[in-house]
Amino acid sequence: MLSGPFSFVPEIDMIGTVDSARGVVVARSGAPAARKTAPAAPIHEDWIAVILGAASLCAVLFGGVPALPALRWGADTALSALFRPEVLVPWLGAGFGLWALSAAAVALQGGNVRRFTQGFALVFPLAWCSLVLAGNTASIAWGIEYVIFALALGLLVSHLGGTLTFVRAAASSELFIKTGLVLMGATILFSDVVQAGVLGLVQALGVVIVVWYVSFWLASRFRVDEELAVMLSTAVSICGVSAGIAACRAIQGDRRKLSYVTSLVLIVAVPMIILMPWIVRLTGIPDIVAGAWMGGTLDTTGSVTAAGALVSETTMKVGTIVKFSQNVLIGVAALALSMWWSVRTNGSRNDSSGVGVIWQRFPKFVIGFVAASLLFSFVFTPELVKQTSGALGSLRTLWFALAFVSIGLEARVSDLLTLDDGRPLVSFLLAQGFNVIWTLVLAWLIFGGLILPAPVI
């Protein structure tokens, strides 16, 4: 069963247990209970992201979604201008469309659509406000992007609003990010993906192998239990939340520890999003090297996108492609972890240790990204690609804004300081520090033209 804020566990009448061979609920007496069938497995969240991304692309291609009005205001434009009907109505229409798609996803997962709708009624305005704050002339001058405001607003509501369960029911950072990334595929030419992706995979191998080992060693030195150490090491070395989930499932780990890892990854990513672009500007790191550095270091694909956007379009593209290359290793890592953990714990090898786990763990939303890139690179005319770029950019930005508000709503800062007297936190921070330095070295060697020719993007 999937985990996370957008995953739902179907309720079962607990009169017995499910007989998987017959697909029925067996009563305690052993006789089949009348008309009680096992619930159908929900659609994987990655596939739902592909479906939502495809629906968004179709809406744009068939003229249903025009480019949304800019939310610029400040010196010559009053804030009240953004509330004129010609500006506000298109945004509200886009919000309604995103709600309809997301609510359909909730229904596919067997969730509570009414509860989701109540939460979305706050999540979307927060996302829109983050775009408004980023559209101020002062924010533009200082390079403060919407993602920072979205995170801040989400964290503010999370920590001042108490347990807003109805809001968190609509907070689905992973799904929103993955859907936005499917749309991003339409803006990245496949030639760029091929050129940088091979180098990204080379870098990914160097990052994952070395950083995982160092992270696990550090965790053991700080007396972090092995289950948590495996999840932390996998999260910091591959791609954060998704990798942590895969590691948890591969070793049949404790979901409470997974929740801790998820919160830690999301919160630590916030200052890195701000500091890494600042370091790039201060030191003059080339845009391509900067993108490879961010793609190999930041632990969520959305944070890579956000940080890269603070530098340049090239940095954002390279960072995203490198992160995708790293994501591909999730399945291989999960397979290796499953087999290693079975041997280490002297237990029998579970069902998830077969070769099929590679496909099971593979991030399916990458398929949507590649498909969109192929269509816009080789099928659609350059005129159509140019005409739809504005609308696609607006929708992608809105999906990402929803995602980062959700990250703020999901995160709890206080939990990170109390578990095991903060030892896992210190271990994670040291591992991330090593990751930052080691990945920068690899990015310079691989993308800086020192060993292989640097890609031109």
Protein backbone atom coordinates (compact mmCIF):
# COMPACT_ATOMS: atom_id res chain seq x y z
CA MET A 1 0.00 0.00 0.00
CA LEU A 2 1.28 3.43 -0.81
CA SER A 3 2.24 5.82 1.94
CA GLY A 4 2.07 9.59 2.09
CA PRO A 5 -0.57 12.27 2.46
CA PHE A 6 -2.20 11.44 -0.86
CA SER A 7 -2.46 7.71 -0.31
CA PHE A 8 -5.53 6.20 1.19
CA VAL A 9 -6.06 2.87 2.93
CA PRO A 10 -9.51 1.45 2.13
CA GLU A 11 -11.59 0.68 5.20
CA ILE A 12 -12.45 -3.00 5.61
CA ASP A 13 -15.17 -4.46 7.79
CA MET A 14 -12.98 -6.28 10.29
CA ILE A 15 -15.01 -9.47 10.54
CA GLY A 16 -12.09 -11.60 9.42
CA THR A 17 -9.07 -11.61 7.16
CA VAL A 18 -8.56 -11.37 3.42
CA ASP A 19 -7.92 -14.61 1.57
CA SER A 20 -5.68 -13.34 -1.27
CA ALA A 21 -6.04 -16.53 -3.27
CA ARG A 22 -9.84 -16.28 -3.47
CA GLY A 23 -10.19 -12.51 -3.14
CA VAL A 24 -12.73 -12.73 -0.31
CA VAL A 25 -12.88 -11.83 3.35
CA VAL A 26 -12.81 -14.96 5.48
CA ALA A 27 -14.78 -14.95 8.70
CA ARG A 28 -13.11 -15.89 11.94
CA SER A 29 -14.76 -19.28 11.78
CA GLY A 30 -13.02 -19.94 8.46
CA ALA A 31 -16.13 -19.73 6.31
CA PRO A 32 -16.31 -17.13 3.56
CA ALA A 33 -18.23 -14.03 4.66
CA ALA A 34 -21.12 -13.24 2.37
CA ARG A 35 -20.55 -10.61 -0.30
CA LYS A 36 -17.27 -9.36 1.19
CA THR A 37 -14.60 -9.02 -1.47
CA ALA A 38 -11.06 -7.74 -1.15
CA PRO A 39 -10.72 -4.10 -2.22
CA ALA A 40 -9.05 -3.43 -5.53
CA ALA A 41 -5.52 -2.11 -5.31
CA PRO A 42 -5.37 1.66 -5.83
CA ILE A 43 -3.61 3.10 -8.85
CA HIS A 44 0.02 3.95 -8.15
CA GLU A 45 0.54 7.64 -7.42
CA ASP A 46 3.15 7.90 -10.17
CA TRP A 47 0.63 6.71 -12.76
CA ILE A 48 -1.91 9.17 -11.43
CA ALA A 49 0.67 11.95 -11.90
CA VAL A 50 1.14 10.82 -15.51
CA ILE A 51 -2.64 10.87 -16.04
CA LEU A 52 -2.99 14.36 -14.54
CA GLY A 53 -0.05 15.63 -16.57
CA ALA A 54 -1.48 14.17 -19.78
CA ALA A 55 -4.87 15.74 -19.04
CA SER A 56 -3.21 19.12 -18.47
CA LEU A 57 -1.26 18.81 -21.72
CA CYS A 58 -4.40 17.91 -23.65
CA ALA A 59 -6.25 20.88 -22.18
CA VAL A 60 -3.50 23.20 -23.38
CA LEU A 61 -3.09 21.58 -26.80
CA PHE A 62 -6.79 21.76 -27.54
CA GLY A 63 -7.01 25.40 -26.52
CA GLY A 64 -8.83 24.89 -23.25
CA VAL A 65 -6.18 26.62 -21.17
CA PRO A 66 -4.63 29.91 -22.34
CA ALA A 67 -1.56 31.48 -20.77
CA LEU A 68 -2.55 32.88 -17.39
CA PRO A 69 -2.18 36.64 -16.70
CA ALA A 70 1.05 37.76 -15.09
CA LEU A 71 0.87 38.60 -11.39
CA ARG A 72 3.29 41.53 -11.46
CA TRP A 73 2.72 44.48 -9.15
CA GLY A 74 4.71 47.08 -7.27
CA ALA A 75 6.15 50.38 -8.45
CA ASP A 76 3.70 51.20 -11.25
CA THR A 77 0.95 48.66 -10.62
CA ALA A 78 -1.17 48.48 -7.50
CA LEU A 79 -1.88 45.18 -5.78
CA SER A 80 -5.60 45.75 -6.32
CA ALA A 81 -5.03 45.40 -10.08
CA LEU A 82 -4.53 41.66 -9.57
CA PHE A 83 -8.11 41.35 -8.34
CA ARG A 84 -9.68 42.68 -11.53
CA PRO A 85 -11.93 40.11 -13.25
CA GLU A 86 -9.67 39.82 -16.31
CA VAL A 87 -6.81 38.72 -14.02
CA LEU A 88 -8.55 36.88 -11.21
CA VAL A 89 -11.11 34.87 -13.20
CA PRO A 90 -8.56 32.96 -15.36
CA TRP A 91 -6.60 32.00 -12.24
CA LEU A 92 -9.74 30.84 -10.48
CA GLY A 93 -10.61 28.83 -13.58
CA ALA A 94 -7.19 27.19 -13.54
CA GLY A 95 -7.61 26.45 -9.84
CA PHE A 96 -10.97 24.82 -10.51
CA GLY A 97 -9.41 22.70 -13.24
CA LEU A 98 -6.59 21.55 -10.98
CA TRP A 99 -9.10 20.75 -8.24
CA ALA A 100 -11.17 18.67 -10.68
CA LEU A 101 -8.12 16.68 -11.76
CA SER A 102 -6.87 16.21 -8.20
CA ALA A 103 -10.32 15.26 -6.91
CA ALA A 104 -10.54 12.63 -9.64
CA ALA A 105 -7.20 11.28 -8.41
CA VAL A 106 -8.56 11.14 -4.86
CA ALA A 107 -11.56 9.19 -6.12
CA LEU A 108 -9.27 6.75 -7.97
CA GLN A 109 -7.40 6.17 -4.72
CA GLY A 110 -10.63 5.56 -2.81
CA GLY A 111 -10.21 8.75 -0.76
CA ASN A 112 -12.67 11.25 0.64
CA VAL A 113 -13.32 13.81 -2.10
CA ARG A 114 -15.34 16.09 0.18
CA ARG A 115 -12.52 16.23 2.74
CA PHE A 116 -9.97 16.86 0.00
CA THR A 117 -12.09 19.67 -1.43
CA GLN A 118 -12.25 21.38 1.96
CA GLY A 119 -8.46 21.32 2.22
CA PHE A 120 -7.90 22.39 -1.37
CA ALA A 121 -10.03 25.47 -0.69
CA LEU A 122 -7.16 26.70 1.49
CA VAL A 123 -4.16 25.13 -0.26
CA PHE A 124 -4.92 26.77 -3.61
CA PRO A 125 -5.32 30.34 -2.21
CA LEU A 126 -2.01 29.88 -0.36
CA ALA A 127 -0.35 28.80 -3.60
CA TRP A 128 -1.84 31.78 -5.45
CA CYS A 129 -0.69 34.15 -2.70
CA SER A 130 2.86 32.79 -3.03
CA LEU A 131 2.78 33.69 -6.73
CA VAL A 132 1.43 37.14 -5.90
CA LEU A 133 4.17 37.77 -3.32
CA ALA A 134 6.82 36.61 -5.80
CA GLY A 135 5.36 38.96 -8.42
CA ASN A 136 6.17 42.05 -6.38
CA THR A 137 8.91 44.20 -7.89
CA ALA A 138 10.98 43.97 -4.68
CA SER A 139 10.80 40.16 -4.71
CA ILE A 140 11.83 40.12 -8.35
CA ALA A 141 14.74 42.47 -7.66
CA TRP A 142 15.99 40.27 -4.80
CA GLY A 143 15.43 37.05 -6.76
CA ILE A 144 12.96 35.64 -4.21
CA GLU A 145 10.90 33.06 -6.10
CA TYR A 146 7.38 31.81 -5.39
CA VAL A 147 8.69 28.52 -4.02
CA ILE A 148 10.15 30.25 -0.97
CA PHE A 149 6.87 32.04 -0.24
CA ALA A 150 4.91 28.82 -0.78
CA LEU A 151 7.08 26.95 1.71
CA ALA A 152 6.86 29.78 4.23
CA LEU A 153 3.08 30.05 3.99
CA GLY A 154 2.67 26.30 4.36
CA LEU A 155 4.95 26.19 7.39
CA LEU A 156 3.16 29.18 8.94
CA VAL A 157 -0.26 27.55 8.65
CA SER A 158 1.12 24.21 9.84
CA HIS A 159 2.68 25.62 13.01
CA LEU A 160 0.11 28.27 13.90
CA GLY A 161 -3.01 26.47 12.79
CA GLY A 162 -2.60 23.39 14.94
CA THR A 163 -3.66 20.04 13.53
CA LEU A 164 -5.50 21.12 10.41
CA THR A 165 -6.38 17.64 9.24
CA PHE A 166 -8.86 18.89 6.67
CA VAL A 167 -6.10 20.99 5.08
CA ARG A 168 -3.49 18.25 5.15
CA ALA A 169 -5.95 15.96 3.40
CA ALA A 170 -5.28 18.11 0.31
CA ALA A 171 -1.52 18.43 0.87
CA SER A 172 0.10 16.11 -1.65
CA SER A 173 3.55 17.45 -2.37
CA GLU A 174 4.85 14.38 -4.19
CA LEU A 175 1.85 14.08 -6.53
CA PHE A 176 1.76 17.81 -7.34
CA ILE A 177 5.52 17.86 -7.99
CA LYS A 178 5.40 14.78 -10.21
CA THR A 179 2.49 16.20 -12.23
CA GLY A 180 4.36 19.46 -12.72
CA LEU A 181 7.41 17.54 -13.85
CA VAL A 182 5.40 15.67 -16.46
CA LEU A 183 4.44 19.08 -17.83
CA MET A 184 8.07 20.17 -17.66
CA GLY A 185 8.91 17.36 -20.08
CA ALA A 186 7.09 19.34 -22.75
CA THR A 187 9.55 22.21 -22.29
CA ILE A 188 12.75 20.14 -22.42
CA LEU A 189 13.89 18.88 -25.81
CA PHE A 190 14.77 15.21 -25.98
CA SER A 191 18.17 15.99 -27.45
CA ASP A 192 19.01 17.82 -24.23
CA VAL A 193 17.84 14.86 -22.14
CA VAL A 194 19.99 12.40 -24.08
CA GLN A 195 23.06 14.62 -24.03
CA ALA A 196 22.99 15.44 -20.34
CA GLY A 197 21.26 12.26 -19.15
CA VAL A 198 24.19 9.96 -19.93
CA LEU A 199 26.55 12.21 -18.00
CA GLY A 200 23.92 12.47 -15.26
CA LEU A 201 23.82 8.70 -14.90
CA VAL A 202 27.61 8.56 -14.62
CA GLN A 203 27.49 11.21 -11.90
CA ALA A 204 24.55 9.49 -10.20
CA LEU A 205 26.48 6.25 -9.83
CA GLY A 206 29.40 8.07 -8.24
CA VAL A 207 27.10 9.98 -5.87
CA VAL A 208 24.82 7.13 -4.81
CA ILE A 209 27.53 4.54 -4.10
CA VAL A 210 29.90 6.82 -2.18
CA VAL A 211 27.34 8.98 -0.36
CA TRP A 212 25.24 5.98 0.74
CA TYR A 213 28.25 4.27 2.29
CA VAL A 214 29.45 7.42 4.07
CA SER A 215 25.92 8.21 5.30
CA PHE A 216 25.43 4.70 6.69
CA TRP A 217 28.84 4.82 8.35
CA LEU A 218 28.03 8.16 9.98
CA ALA A 219 24.66 6.87 11.21
CA SER A 220 26.34 3.87 12.81
CA ARG A 221 28.88 6.13 14.50
CA PHE A 222 26.00 8.12 16.02
CA ARG A 223 24.28 4.91 17.18
CA VAL A 224 21.28 5.34 14.89
CA ASP A 225 19.37 2.06 14.60
CA GLU A 226 19.96 0.24 11.33
CA GLU A 227 16.41 0.55 9.96
CA LEU A 228 16.48 4.32 10.29
CA ALA A 229 20.09 4.44 9.08
CA VAL A 230 19.16 2.62 5.86
CA MET A 231 16.26 5.01 5.17
CA LEU A 232 18.35 8.11 5.95
CA SER A 233 21.28 6.93 3.80
CA THR A 234 19.06 6.05 0.86
CA ALA A 235 17.17 9.35 1.09
CA VAL A 236 20.29 11.52 1.19
CA SER A 237 22.15 9.61 -1.52
CA ILE A 238 19.42 9.15 -4.15
CA CYS A 239 16.37 11.40 -4.19
CA GLY A 240 14.94 12.05 -0.78
CA VAL A 241 11.33 11.16 -0.09
CA SER A 242 10.78 8.70 -2.95
CA ALA A 243 14.00 6.86 -2.18
CA GLY A 244 13.20 6.78 1.52
CA ILE A 245 9.82 5.24 0.78
CA ALA A 246 11.42 2.64 -1.50
CA ALA A 247 14.00 1.79 1.17
CA CYS A 248 11.30 1.45 3.84
CA ARG A 249 9.33 -0.95 1.68
CA ALA A 250 12.43 -2.91 0.65
CA ILE A 251 13.42 -3.64 4.26
CA GLN A 252 9.84 -3.72 5.62
CA GLY A 253 10.72 -0.80 7.89
CA ASP A 254 8.76 1.12 10.51
CA ARG A 255 6.46 3.71 8.93
CA ARG A 256 6.99 6.07 11.89
CA LYS A 257 10.67 6.19 11.05
CA LEU A 258 9.78 6.83 7.42
CA SER A 259 7.63 9.78 8.49
CA TYR A 260 10.62 11.21 10.37
CA VAL A 261 12.89 10.81 7.34
CA THR A 262 10.31 12.46 5.09
CA SER A 263 9.96 15.50 7.37
CA LEU A 264 13.73 15.79 7.74
CA VAL A 265 14.33 15.69 3.99
CA LEU A 266 11.68 18.30 3.25
CA ILE A 267 12.78 20.75 5.94
CA VAL A 268 16.53 20.51 5.23
CA ALA A 269 15.80 21.15 1.56
CA VAL A 270 14.40 24.62 2.38
CA PRO A 271 17.66 26.41 3.33
CA MET A 272 19.53 24.51 0.62
CA ILE A 273 17.15 25.90 -2.01
CA ILE A 274 18.14 29.39 -0.89
CA LEU A 275 21.84 28.90 -0.14
CA MET A 276 22.95 26.87 -3.16
CA PRO A 277 21.90 29.45 -5.81
CA TRP A 278 23.54 32.15 -3.66
CA ILE A 279 26.80 30.16 -3.56
CA VAL A 280 26.62 29.67 -7.34
CA ARG A 281 26.31 33.41 -7.94
CA LEU A 282 28.99 34.26 -5.37
CA THR A 283 31.59 31.81 -6.71
CA GLY A 284 30.74 32.03 -10.42
CA ILE A 285 30.10 28.30 -10.86
CA PRO A 286 29.03 27.69 -14.51
CA ASP A 287 25.30 27.17 -15.01
CA ILE A 288 25.68 23.58 -16.29
CA VAL A 289 27.93 22.56 -13.39
CA ALA A 290 25.54 24.28 -10.97
CA GLY A 291 22.62 22.32 -12.36
CA ALA A 292 24.49 19.02 -12.05
CA TRP A 293 25.50 19.94 -8.50
CA MET A 294 21.94 20.77 -7.45
CA GLY A 295 20.48 17.76 -9.24
CA GLY A 296 22.85 15.40 -7.44
CA THR A 297 22.60 17.07 -4.03
CA LEU A 298 19.07 18.30 -3.33
CA ASP A 299 16.86 15.49 -2.11
CA THR A 300 13.60 16.26 -3.91
CA THR A 301 13.04 16.84 -7.60
CA GLY A 302 10.90 19.86 -6.85
CA SER A 303 13.62 21.50 -4.78
CA VAL A 304 16.09 20.95 -7.63
CA THR A 305 13.67 22.66 -9.98
CA ALA A 306 13.13 25.57 -7.62
CA ALA A 307 16.82 26.13 -6.85
CA GLY A 308 17.77 25.83 -10.50
CA ALA A 309 15.16 28.39 -11.48
CA LEU A 310 16.83 30.88 -9.13
CA VAL A 311 19.98 30.70 -11.27
CA SER A 312 18.94 30.19 -14.89
CA GLU A 313 16.80 28.13 -17.23
CA THR A 314 19.88 26.08 -18.17
CA THR A 315 20.64 25.28 -14.54
CA MET A 316 17.04 24.23 -13.94
CA LYS A 317 17.01 21.95 -16.99
CA VAL A 318 20.35 20.30 -16.24
CA GLY A 319 19.44 19.88 -12.57
CA THR A 320 16.14 18.23 -13.43
CA ILE A 321 17.71 15.88 -15.96
CA VAL A 322 20.46 14.87 -13.52
CA LYS A 323 17.88 14.24 -10.80
CA PHE A 324 15.89 12.06 -13.19
CA SER A 325 19.07 10.11 -13.96
CA GLN A 326 19.53 9.59 -10.23
CA ASN A 327 15.87 8.59 -9.80
CA VAL A 328 16.39 5.70 -12.21
CA LEU A 329 18.61 4.07 -9.61
CA ILE A 330 15.76 3.81 -7.07
CA GLY A 331 14.69 0.41 -8.37
CA VAL A 332 18.20 -1.01 -8.44
CA ALA A 333 18.89 0.34 -4.95
CA ALA A 334 15.63 -1.12 -3.61
CA LEU A 335 16.49 -4.53 -5.06
CA ALA A 336 19.99 -4.44 -3.55
CA LEU A 337 18.67 -3.26 -0.18
CA SER A 338 16.01 -5.96 -0.08
CA MET A 339 18.50 -8.74 -0.72
CA TRP A 340 21.16 -7.26 1.58
CA TRP A 341 18.68 -6.71 4.42
CA SER A 342 17.37 -10.28 4.17
CA VAL A 343 20.88 -11.66 4.52
CA ARG A 344 21.85 -9.19 7.25
CA THR A 345 18.83 -9.96 9.41
CA ASN A 346 19.10 -13.72 8.74
CA GLY A 347 15.52 -13.74 7.54
CA SER A 348 14.06 -15.47 4.54
CA ARG A 349 14.09 -13.48 1.33
CA ASN A 350 10.72 -11.77 0.91
CA ASP A 351 8.69 -11.48 -2.27
CA SER A 352 10.01 -8.02 -3.04
CA SER A 353 13.57 -9.26 -3.63
CA GLY A 354 12.90 -10.50 -7.15
CA VAL A 355 13.99 -8.84 -10.35
CA GLY A 356 10.50 -7.37 -10.75
CA VAL A 357 11.23 -4.97 -7.89
CA ILE A 358 13.20 -2.82 -10.34
CA TRP A 359 10.02 -2.07 -12.25
CA GLN A 360 8.03 -1.84 -9.03
CA ARG A 361 10.35 0.81 -7.59
CA PHE A 362 10.97 2.65 -10.85
CA PRO A 363 9.47 6.19 -10.70
CA LYS A 364 6.70 5.84 -13.27
CA PHE A 365 6.17 9.59 -13.64
CA VAL A 366 9.51 9.71 -15.47
CA ILE A 367 7.74 7.85 -18.30
CA GLY A 368 5.31 10.77 -18.57
CA PHE A 369 8.20 13.24 -18.61
CA VAL A 370 9.98 11.36 -21.40
CA ALA A 371 6.77 10.90 -23.40
CA ALA A 372 6.00 14.62 -23.21
CA SER A 373 9.56 15.45 -24.24
CA LEU A 374 9.35 13.08 -27.22
CA LEU A 375 6.04 14.50 -28.40
CA PHE A 376 7.17 18.11 -28.18
CA SER A 377 10.58 17.30 -29.65
CA PHE A 378 9.61 15.15 -32.65
CA VAL A 379 5.84 15.09 -33.20
CA PHE A 380 4.44 18.58 -32.73
CA THR A 381 5.46 21.46 -34.96
CA PRO A 382 7.77 24.17 -33.62
CA GLU A 383 4.90 26.67 -34.07
CA LEU A 384 2.60 24.65 -31.82
CA VAL A 385 5.34 24.19 -29.25
CA LYS A 386 5.92 27.93 -29.16
CA GLN A 387 2.21 28.76 -28.97
CA THR A 388 1.62 26.48 -26.00
CA SER A 389 4.77 27.28 -24.02
CA GLY A 390 3.14 30.12 -22.06
CA ALA A 391 0.12 28.10 -20.93
CA LEU A 392 2.26 25.07 -20.08
CA GLY A 393 4.59 27.25 -18.04
CA SER A 394 1.66 28.73 -16.10
CA LEU A 395 0.18 25.33 -15.25
CA ARG A 396 3.57 23.88 -14.33
CA THR A 397 4.23 26.79 -11.98
CA LEU A 398 0.81 26.39 -10.37
CA TRP A 399 1.32 22.66 -9.78
CA PHE A 400 4.71 23.40 -8.18
CA ALA A 401 3.23 26.17 -6.01
CA LEU A 402 0.63 23.71 -4.71
CA ALA A 403 3.43 21.22 -4.05
CA PHE A 404 5.54 23.55 -1.96
CA VAL A 405 2.61 24.80 0.08
CA SER A 406 1.92 21.12 0.77
CA ILE A 407 5.52 20.53 1.84
CA GLY A 408 5.18 23.31 4.39
CA LEU A 409 1.89 21.87 5.65
CA GLU A 410 3.37 18.39 6.01
CA ALA A 411 6.55 19.40 7.84
CA ARG A 412 6.92 19.66 11.62
CA VAL A 413 10.16 21.28 12.76
CA SER A 414 9.88 20.21 16.41
CA ASP A 415 9.91 16.47 15.65
CA LEU A 416 13.40 16.67 14.20
CA LEU A 417 14.97 17.79 17.46
CA THR A 418 13.55 15.17 19.83
CA LEU A 419 14.05 11.73 18.26
CA ASP A 420 16.97 9.88 19.91
CA ASP A 421 18.31 13.15 21.33
CA GLY A 422 18.86 14.54 17.84
CA ARG A 423 21.46 11.94 16.80
CA PRO A 424 19.71 11.05 13.52
CA LEU A 425 19.44 14.75 12.71
CA VAL A 426 23.17 15.34 13.25
CA SER A 427 24.00 12.23 11.24
CA PHE A 428 21.80 13.37 8.36
CA LEU A 429 23.24 16.91 8.34
CA LEU A 430 26.84 15.63 8.28
CA ALA A 431 25.97 13.21 5.48
CA GLN A 432 24.32 15.99 3.53
CA GLY A 433 27.38 18.17 4.05
CA PHE A 434 29.60 15.45 2.61
CA ASN A 435 27.10 15.00 -0.23
CA VAL A 436 27.32 18.70 -1.11
CA ILE A 437 31.13 18.67 -1.35
CA TRP A 438 31.50 15.29 -3.10
CA THR A 439 28.79 16.01 -5.67
CA LEU A 440 30.30 19.40 -6.52
CA VAL A 441 33.61 17.69 -7.22
CA LEU A 442 31.92 15.14 -9.49
CA ALA A 443 29.87 17.84 -11.23
CA TRP A 444 33.03 19.78 -12.07
CA LEU A 445 34.81 16.67 -13.33
CA ILE A 446 31.90 15.32 -15.42
CA PHE A 447 29.95 18.42 -16.53
CA GLY A 448 32.77 20.96 -16.41
CA GLY A 449 34.57 19.46 -19.41
CA LEU A 450 37.56 18.27 -17.40
CA ILE A 451 37.10 14.58 -18.28
CA LEU A 452 34.27 14.44 -20.87
CA PRO A 453 33.10 17.15 -23.25
CA ALA A 454 30.64 19.44 -21.51
CA PRO A 455 27.08 19.22 -22.90
CA VAL A 456 25.67 22.24 -24.73
CA ILE A 457 22.15 23.04 -23.55
